[in-house]
Amino acid sequence: MSKFLHFKTQNNYEYGYLYNPHRINGIKVNDPIYIGRVIDKDNGIFKNKERGVFKYSLINGYETTDYKLDEYNIKIKKEKYI
């Protein structure tokens, strides 16, 4: 089975997941991998803590990008220190 992207909306933010479906004993199982918060869905731009802002596509995988959050008027909360 082929991988696919799945999007979830929580608290007015959209999050992207990469699903890797396979079968175990004839039962379909999806292994979700969190990609990040969606910045630009059409261009495949995401943001997460580990990679920062990046581009992802099923064909090319993870790619670096020079997109700036200011272009999308995205306000990211400062990270809290413990």
PDB file of N, CA and C in Angstrom:
ATOM      1  N   MET A   1       0.838  -1.181   0.000  1.00  0.00           N
ATOM      2  CA  MET A   1       0.000   0.000   0.000  1.00  0.00           C
ATOM      3  C   MET A   1       0.882   1.243   0.000  1.00  0.00           C
ATOM      4  N   SER A   2       0.374   2.300  -0.541  1.00  0.00           N
ATOM      5  CA  SER A   2       1.167   3.517  -0.646  1.00  0.00           C
ATOM      6  C   SER A   2       0.895   4.462   0.521  1.00  0.00           C
ATOM      7  N   LYS A   3       1.874   5.306   0.795  1.00  0.00           N
ATOM      8  CA  LYS A   3       1.745   6.296   1.866  1.00  0.00           C
ATOM      9  C   LYS A   3       0.811   7.406   1.427  1.00  0.00           C
ATOM     10  N   PHE A   4       0.202   8.082   2.419  1.00  0.00           N
ATOM     11  CA  PHE A   4      -0.653   9.225   2.103  1.00  0.00           C
ATOM     12  C   PHE A   4      -0.606  10.229   3.240  1.00  0.00           C
ATOM     13  N   LEU A   5      -0.928  11.471   2.898  1.00  0.00           N
ATOM     14  CA  LEU A   5      -0.987  12.545   3.887  1.00  0.00           C
ATOM     15  C   LEU A   5      -2.402  12.663   4.427  1.00  0.00           C
ATOM     16  N   HIS A   6      -2.497  12.912   5.728  1.00  0.00           N
ATOM     17  CA  HIS A   6      -3.784  13.104   6.371  1.00  0.00           C
ATOM     18  C   HIS A   6      -3.691  14.389   7.186  1.00  0.00           C
ATOM     19  N   PHE A   7      -4.743  15.183   7.155  1.00  0.00           N
ATOM     20  CA  PHE A   7      -4.751  16.465   7.862  1.00  0.00           C
ATOM     21  C   PHE A   7      -5.836  16.462   8.920  1.00  0.00           C
ATOM     22  N   LYS A   8      -5.496  16.974  10.103  1.00  0.00           N
ATOM     23  CA  LYS A   8      -6.452  17.103  11.213  1.00  0.00           C
ATOM     24  C   LYS A   8      -6.496  18.562  11.641  1.00  0.00           C
ATOM     25  N   THR A   9      -7.693  19.026  11.996  1.00  0.00           N
ATOM     26  CA  THR A   9      -7.861  20.383  12.495  1.00  0.00           C
ATOM     27  C   THR A   9      -8.200  20.327  13.974  1.00  0.00           C
ATOM     28  N   GLN A  10      -7.401  21.022  14.778  1.00  0.00           N
ATOM     29  CA  GLN A  10      -7.630  21.114  16.216  1.00  0.00           C
ATOM     30  C   GLN A  10      -7.382  22.548  16.652  1.00  0.00           C
ATOM     31  N   ASN A  11      -8.317  23.118  17.385  1.00  0.00           N
ATOM     32  CA  ASN A  11      -8.183  24.484  17.901  1.00  0.00           C
ATOM     33  C   ASN A  11      -7.844  25.490  16.791  1.00  0.00           C
ATOM     34  N   ASN A  12      -8.514  25.371  15.663  1.00  0.00           N
ATOM     35  CA  ASN A  12      -8.347  26.258  14.504  1.00  0.00           C
ATOM     36  C   ASN A  12      -6.968  26.168  13.858  1.00  0.00           C
ATOM     37  N   TYR A  13      -6.173  25.157  14.165  1.00  0.00           N
ATOM     38  CA  TYR A  13      -4.895  24.910  13.519  1.00  0.00           C
ATOM     39  C   TYR A  13      -4.973  23.580  12.797  1.00  0.00           C
ATOM     40  N   GLU A  14      -4.324  23.504  11.651  1.00  0.00           N
ATOM     41  CA  GLU A  14      -4.327  22.274  10.876  1.00  0.00           C
ATOM     42  C   GLU A  14      -2.960  21.590  11.005  1.00  0.00           C
ATOM     43  N   TYR A  15      -2.984  20.280  11.235  1.00  0.00           N
ATOM     44  CA  TYR A  15      -1.773  19.503  11.444  1.00  0.00           C
ATOM     45  C   TYR A  15      -1.690  18.401  10.400  1.00  0.00           C
ATOM     46  N   GLY A  16      -0.480  18.110   9.938  1.00  0.00           N
ATOM     47  CA  GLY A  16      -0.273  17.106   8.907  1.00  0.00           C
ATOM     48  C   GLY A  16       0.359  15.843   9.464  1.00  0.00           C
ATOM     49  N   TYR A  17      -0.107  14.693   8.984  1.00  0.00           N
ATOM     50  CA  TYR A  17       0.407  13.396   9.377  1.00  0.00           C
ATOM     51  C   TYR A  17       0.685  12.578   8.125  1.00  0.00           C
ATOM     52  N   LEU A  18       1.740  11.811   8.148  1.00  0.00           N
ATOM     53  CA  LEU A  18       2.058  10.881   7.080  1.00  0.00           C
ATOM     54  C   LEU A  18       1.618   9.500   7.547  1.00  0.00           C
ATOM     55  N   TYR A  19       0.734   8.868   6.787  1.00  0.00           N
ATOM     56  CA  TYR A  19       0.228   7.552   7.150  1.00  0.00           C
ATOM     57  C   TYR A  19       0.913   6.501   6.278  1.00  0.00           C
ATOM     58  N   ASN A  20       1.388   5.446   6.912  1.00  0.00           N
ATOM     59  CA  ASN A  20       2.008   4.328   6.221  1.00  0.00           C
ATOM     60  C   ASN A  20       1.131   3.088   6.457  1.00  0.00           C
ATOM     61  N   PRO A  21       0.171   2.828   5.569  1.00  0.00           N
ATOM     62  CA  PRO A  21      -0.736   1.699   5.792  1.00  0.00           C
ATOM     63  C   PRO A  21      -0.087   0.362   5.448  1.00  0.00           C
ATOM     64  N   HIS A  22      -0.417  -0.644   6.229  1.00  0.00           N
ATOM     65  CA  HIS A  22       0.015  -2.015   5.949  1.00  0.00           C
ATOM     66  C   HIS A  22      -0.955  -2.971   6.629  1.00  0.00           C
ATOM     67  N   ARG A  23      -0.807  -4.237   6.372  1.00  0.00           N
ATOM     68  CA  ARG A  23      -1.710  -5.242   6.946  1.00  0.00           C
ATOM     69  C   ARG A  23      -0.947  -6.143   7.903  1.00  0.00           C
ATOM     70  N   ILE A  24      -1.602  -6.418   9.024  1.00  0.00           N
ATOM     71  CA  ILE A  24      -1.097  -7.379   9.998  1.00  0.00           C
ATOM     72  C   ILE A  24      -2.196  -8.417  10.195  1.00  0.00           C
ATOM     73  N   ASN A  25      -1.912  -9.657   9.803  1.00  0.00           N
ATOM     74  CA  ASN A  25      -2.887 -10.748   9.882  1.00  0.00           C
ATOM     75  C   ASN A  25      -4.187 -10.399   9.176  1.00  0.00           C
ATOM     76  N   GLY A  26      -4.095  -9.737   8.037  1.00  0.00           N
ATOM     77  CA  GLY A  26      -5.271  -9.392   7.246  1.00  0.00           C
ATOM     78  C   GLY A  26      -6.026  -8.161   7.703  1.00  0.00           C
ATOM     79  N   ILE A  27      -5.553  -7.485   8.753  1.00  0.00           N
ATOM     80  CA  ILE A  27      -6.218  -6.291   9.270  1.00  0.00           C
ATOM     81  C   ILE A  27      -5.389  -5.064   8.866  1.00  0.00           C
ATOM     82  N   LYS A  28      -6.059  -4.068   8.282  1.00  0.00           N
ATOM     83  CA  LYS A  28      -5.360  -2.850   7.853  1.00  0.00           C
ATOM     84  C   LYS A  28      -4.970  -2.018   9.072  1.00  0.00           C
ATOM     85  N   VAL A  29      -3.702  -1.619   9.095  1.00  0.00           N
ATOM     86  CA  VAL A  29      -3.167  -0.814  10.193  1.00  0.00           C
ATOM     87  C   VAL A  29      -2.459   0.397   9.583  1.00  0.00           C
ATOM     88  N   ASN A  30      -2.725   1.590  10.117  1.00  0.00           N
ATOM     89  CA  ASN A  30      -2.052   2.818   9.696  1.00  0.00           C
ATOM     90  C   ASN A  30      -1.037   3.219  10.755  1.00  0.00           C
ATOM     91  N   ASP A  31       0.185   3.468  10.349  1.00  0.00           N
ATOM     92  CA  ASP A  31       1.203   3.980  11.261  1.00  0.00           C
ATOM     93  C   ASP A  31       1.366   5.472  10.992  1.00  0.00           C
ATOM     94  N   PRO A  32       0.766   6.336  11.834  1.00  0.00           N
ATOM     95  CA  PRO A  32       0.877   7.774  11.591  1.00  0.00           C
ATOM     96  C   PRO A  32       2.218   8.329  12.075  1.00  0.00           C
ATOM     97  N   ILE A  33       2.784   9.224  11.275  1.00  0.00           N
ATOM     98  CA  ILE A  33       3.996   9.944  11.639  1.00  0.00           C
ATOM     99  C   ILE A  33       3.656  11.427  11.577  1.00  0.00           C
ATOM    100  N   TYR A  34       3.861  12.133  12.688  1.00  0.00           N
ATOM    101  CA  TYR A  34       3.550  13.557  12.749  1.00  0.00           C
ATOM    102  C   TYR A  34       4.535  14.331  11.898  1.00  0.00           C
ATOM    103  N   ILE A  35       4.022  15.145  10.977  1.00  0.00           N
ATOM    104  CA  ILE A  35       4.882  15.972  10.128  1.00  0.00           C
ATOM    105  C   ILE A  35       5.030  17.360  10.739  1.00  0.00           C
ATOM    106  N   GLY A  36       3.911  18.016  11.029  1.00  0.00           N
ATOM    107  CA  GLY A  36       3.988  19.347  11.622  1.00  0.00           C
ATOM    108  C   GLY A  36       2.731  20.145  11.366  1.00  0.00           C
ATOM    109  N   ARG A  37       2.751  21.362  11.863  1.00  0.00           N
ATOM    110  CA  ARG A  37       1.636  22.284  11.664  1.00  0.00           C
ATOM    111  C   ARG A  37       1.654  22.793  10.231  1.00  0.00           C
ATOM    112  N   VAL A  38       0.500  22.837   9.607  1.00  0.00           N
ATOM    113  CA  VAL A  38       0.403  23.247   8.214  1.00  0.00           C
ATOM    114  C   VAL A  38       0.492  24.768   8.122  1.00  0.00           C
ATOM    115  N   ILE A  39       1.444  25.252   7.331  1.00  0.00           N
ATOM    116  CA  ILE A  39       1.595  26.675   7.069  1.00  0.00           C
ATOM    117  C   ILE A  39       0.951  27.011   5.729  1.00  0.00           C
ATOM    118  N   ASP A  40       1.266  26.232   4.702  1.00  0.00           N
ATOM    119  CA  ASP A  40       0.703  26.427   3.367  1.00  0.00           C
ATOM    120  C   ASP A  40       0.404  25.040   2.787  1.00  0.00           C
ATOM    121  N   LYS A  41      -0.865  24.669   2.785  1.00  0.00           N
ATOM    122  CA  LYS A  41      -1.263  23.321   2.365  1.00  0.00           C
ATOM    123  C   LYS A  41      -1.005  23.089   0.879  1.00  0.00           C
ATOM    124  N   ASP A  42      -1.248  24.090   0.044  1.00  0.00           N
ATOM    125  CA  ASP A  42      -1.076  23.934  -1.400  1.00  0.00           C
ATOM    126  C   ASP A  42       0.388  23.690  -1.794  1.00  0.00           C
ATOM    127  N   ASN A  43       1.303  24.357  -1.104  1.00  0.00           N
ATOM    128  CA  ASN A  43       2.729  24.215  -1.418  1.00  0.00           C
ATOM    129  C   ASN A  43       3.433  23.193  -0.531  1.00  0.00           C
ATOM    130  N   GLY A  44       2.720  22.596   0.425  1.00  0.00           N
ATOM    131  CA  GLY A  44       3.313  21.578   1.294  1.00  0.00           C
ATOM    132  C   GLY A  44       4.294  22.132   2.298  1.00  0.00           C
ATOM    133  N   ILE A  45       4.010  23.317   2.859  1.00  0.00           N
ATOM    134  CA  ILE A  45       4.889  23.948   3.837  1.00  0.00           C
ATOM    135  C   ILE A  45       4.376  23.618   5.240  1.00  0.00           C
ATOM    136  N   PHE A  46       5.287  23.100   6.093  1.00  0.00           N
ATOM    137  CA  PHE A  46       4.949  22.712   7.457  1.00  0.00           C
ATOM    138  C   PHE A  46       5.939  23.329   8.424  1.00  0.00           C
ATOM    139  N   LYS A  47       5.604  23.293   9.717  1.00  0.00           N
ATOM    140  CA  LYS A  47       6.511  23.761  10.766  1.00  0.00           C
ATOM    141  C   LYS A  47       6.407  22.824  11.950  1.00  0.00           C
ATOM    142  N   ASN A  48       7.550  22.418  12.480  1.00  0.00           N
ATOM    143  CA  ASN A  48       7.577  21.705  13.748  1.00  0.00           C
ATOM    144  C   ASN A  48       8.828  22.104  14.523  1.00  0.00           C
ATOM    145  N   LYS A  49       8.934  21.673  15.770  1.00  0.00           N
ATOM    146  CA  LYS A  49      10.039  22.102  16.622  1.00  0.00           C
ATOM    147  C   LYS A  49      11.379  21.543  16.165  1.00  0.00           C
ATOM    148  N   GLU A  50      11.391  20.321  15.652  1.00  0.00           N
ATOM    149  CA  GLU A  50      12.652  19.692  15.282  1.00  0.00           C
ATOM    150  C   GLU A  50      13.257  20.280  14.012  1.00  0.00           C
ATOM    151  N   ARG A  51      12.448  20.464  12.971  1.00  0.00           N
ATOM    152  CA  ARG A  51      12.954  20.887  11.664  1.00  0.00           C
ATOM    153  C   ARG A  51      12.748  22.364  11.385  1.00  0.00           C
ATOM    154  N   GLY A  52      11.918  23.040  12.147  1.00  0.00           N
ATOM    155  CA  GLY A  52      11.586  24.431  11.852  1.00  0.00           C
ATOM    156  C   GLY A  52      10.591  24.471  10.700  1.00  0.00           C
ATOM    157  N   VAL A  53      10.764  25.397   9.767  1.00  0.00           N
ATOM    158  CA  VAL A  53       9.882  25.500   8.604  1.00  0.00           C
ATOM    159  C   VAL A  53      10.511  24.706   7.465  1.00  0.00           C
ATOM    160  N   PHE A  54       9.729  23.827   6.847  1.00  0.00           N
ATOM    161  CA  PHE A  54      10.245  22.979   5.785  1.00  0.00           C
ATOM    162  C   PHE A  54       9.127  22.629   4.809  1.00  0.00           C
ATOM    163  N   LYS A  55       9.525  22.025   3.710  1.00  0.00           N
ATOM    164  CA  LYS A  55       8.582  21.604   2.674  1.00  0.00           C
ATOM    165  C   LYS A  55       8.566  20.079   2.645  1.00  0.00           C
ATOM    166  N   TYR A  56       7.369  19.490   2.480  1.00  0.00           N
ATOM    167  CA  TYR A  56       7.257  18.034   2.401  1.00  0.00           C
ATOM    168  C   TYR A  56       6.325  17.649   1.266  1.00  0.00           C
ATOM    169  N   SER A  57       6.730  16.656   0.493  1.00  0.00           N
ATOM    170  CA  SER A  57       5.866  16.083  -0.535  1.00  0.00           C
ATOM    171  C   SER A  57       6.088  14.577  -0.539  1.00  0.00           C
ATOM    172  N   LEU A  58       5.105  13.833  -1.007  1.00  0.00           N
ATOM    173  CA  LEU A  58       5.224  12.379  -1.048  1.00  0.00           C
ATOM    174  C   LEU A  58       6.293  11.938  -2.045  1.00  0.00           C
ATOM    175  N   ILE A  59       6.504  12.725  -3.074  1.00  0.00           N
ATOM    176  CA  ILE A  59       7.471  12.358  -4.107  1.00  0.00           C
ATOM    177  C   ILE A  59       8.902  12.648  -3.649  1.00  0.00           C
ATOM    178  N   ASN A  60       9.145  13.858  -3.135  1.00  0.00           N
ATOM    179  CA  ASN A  60      10.503  14.289  -2.790  1.00  0.00           C
ATOM    180  C   ASN A  60      10.846  14.132  -1.320  1.00  0.00           C
ATOM    181  N   GLY A  61       9.866  13.922  -0.452  1.00  0.00           N
ATOM    182  CA  GLY A  61      10.127  13.821   0.979  1.00  0.00           C
ATOM    183  C   GLY A  61      10.377  15.188   1.593  1.00  0.00           C
ATOM    184  N   TYR A  62      11.249  15.235   2.619  1.00  0.00           N
ATOM    185  CA  TYR A  62      11.555  16.484   3.309  1.00  0.00           C
ATOM    186  C   TYR A  62      12.520  17.321   2.484  1.00  0.00           C
ATOM    187  N   GLU A  63      12.248  18.625   2.403  1.00  0.00           N
ATOM    188  CA  GLU A  63      13.121  19.561   1.703  1.00  0.00           C
ATOM    189  C   GLU A  63      13.243  20.820   2.535  1.00  0.00           C
ATOM    190  N   THR A  64      14.400  21.465   2.453  1.00  0.00           N
ATOM    191  CA  THR A  64      14.543  22.763   3.112  1.00  0.00           C
ATOM    192  C   THR A  64      13.865  23.820   2.255  1.00  0.00           C
ATOM    193  N   THR A  65      13.467  24.889   2.886  1.00  0.00           N
ATOM    194  CA  THR A  65      12.791  25.957   2.159  1.00  0.00           C
ATOM    195  C   THR A  65      13.197  27.301   2.741  1.00  0.00           C
ATOM    196  N   ASP A  66      13.048  28.338   1.949  1.00  0.00           N
ATOM    197  CA  ASP A  66      13.394  29.685   2.407  1.00  0.00           C
ATOM    198  C   ASP A  66      12.144  30.500   2.734  1.00  0.00           C
ATOM    199  N   TYR A  67      11.010  29.825   2.930  1.00  0.00           N
ATOM    200  CA  TYR A  67       9.781  30.529   3.279  1.00  0.00           C
ATOM    201  C   TYR A  67       9.917  31.152   4.657  1.00  0.00           C
ATOM    202  N   LYS A  68       9.372  32.339   4.784  1.00  0.00           N
ATOM    203  CA  LYS A  68       9.383  33.027   6.070  1.00  0.00           C
ATOM    204  C   LYS A  68       7.959  33.097   6.591  1.00  0.00           C
ATOM    205  N   LEU A  69       7.812  32.912   7.888  1.00  0.00           N
ATOM    206  CA  LEU A  69       6.475  32.907   8.484  1.00  0.00           C
ATOM    207  C   LEU A  69       5.795  34.256   8.344  1.00  0.00           C
ATOM    208  N   ASP A  70       6.576  35.325   8.247  1.00  0.00           N
ATOM    209  CA  ASP A  70       5.998  36.667   8.110  1.00  0.00           C
ATOM    210  C   ASP A  70       5.188  36.792   6.825  1.00  0.00           C
ATOM    211  N   GLU A  71       5.567  36.044   5.787  1.00  0.00           N
ATOM    212  CA  GLU A  71       4.845  36.111   4.518  1.00  0.00           C
ATOM    213  C   GLU A  71       3.414  35.596   4.652  1.00  0.00           C
ATOM    214  N   TYR A  72       3.198  34.722   5.610  1.00  0.00           N
ATOM    215  CA  TYR A  72       1.874  34.113   5.790  1.00  0.00           C
ATOM    216  C   TYR A  72       1.110  34.705   6.969  1.00  0.00           C
ATOM    217  N   ASN A  73       1.683  35.731   7.618  1.00  0.00           N
ATOM    218  CA  ASN A  73       1.065  36.359   8.789  1.00  0.00           C
ATOM    219  C   ASN A  73       0.761  35.334   9.880  1.00  0.00           C
ATOM    220  N   ILE A  74       1.690  34.428  10.104  1.00  0.00           N
ATOM    221  CA  ILE A  74       1.538  33.395  11.115  1.00  0.00           C
ATOM    222  C   ILE A  74       2.221  33.877  12.391  1.00  0.00           C
ATOM    223  N   LYS A  75       1.513  33.814  13.482  1.00  0.00           N
ATOM    224  CA  LYS A  75       2.091  34.178  14.766  1.00  0.00           C
ATOM    225  C   LYS A  75       2.331  32.883  15.540  1.00  0.00           C
ATOM    226  N   ILE A  76       3.579  32.628  15.856  1.00  0.00           N
ATOM    227  CA  ILE A  76       3.968  31.435  16.592  1.00  0.00           C
ATOM    228  C   ILE A  76       4.271  31.859  18.030  1.00  0.00           C
ATOM    229  N   LYS A  77       3.676  31.139  18.987  1.00  0.00           N
ATOM    230  CA  LYS A  77       3.935  31.443  20.387  1.00  0.00           C
ATOM    231  C   LYS A  77       5.380  31.130  20.729  1.00  0.00           C
ATOM    232  N   LYS A  78       5.934  31.905  21.637  1.00  0.00           N
ATOM    233  CA  LYS A  78       7.287  31.615  22.118  1.00  0.00           C
ATOM    234  C   LYS A  78       7.265  30.306  22.879  1.00  0.00           C
ATOM    235  N   GLU A  79       8.345  29.548  22.767  1.00  0.00           N
ATOM    236  CA  GLU A  79       8.437  28.294  23.484  1.00  0.00           C
ATOM    237  C   GLU A  79       8.663  28.575  24.964  1.00  0.00           C
ATOM    238  N   LYS A  80       7.973  27.804  25.792  1.00  0.00           N
ATOM    239  CA  LYS A  80       8.117  27.961  27.234  1.00  0.00           C
ATOM    240  C   LYS A  80       9.301  27.158  27.721  1.00  0.00           C
ATOM    241  N   TYR A  81      10.075  27.764  28.597  1.00  0.00           N
ATOM    242  CA  TYR A  81      11.212  27.074  29.184  1.00  0.00           C
ATOM    243  C   TYR A  81      10.801  26.464  30.517  1.00  0.00           C
ATOM    244  N   ILE A  82      11.314  25.322  30.770  1.00  0.00           N
ATOM    245  CA  ILE A  82      10.958  24.624  32.025  1.00  0.00           C
ATOM    246  C   ILE A  82      11.900  25.012  33.119  1.00  0.00           C
TER     247      ILE A  82
END
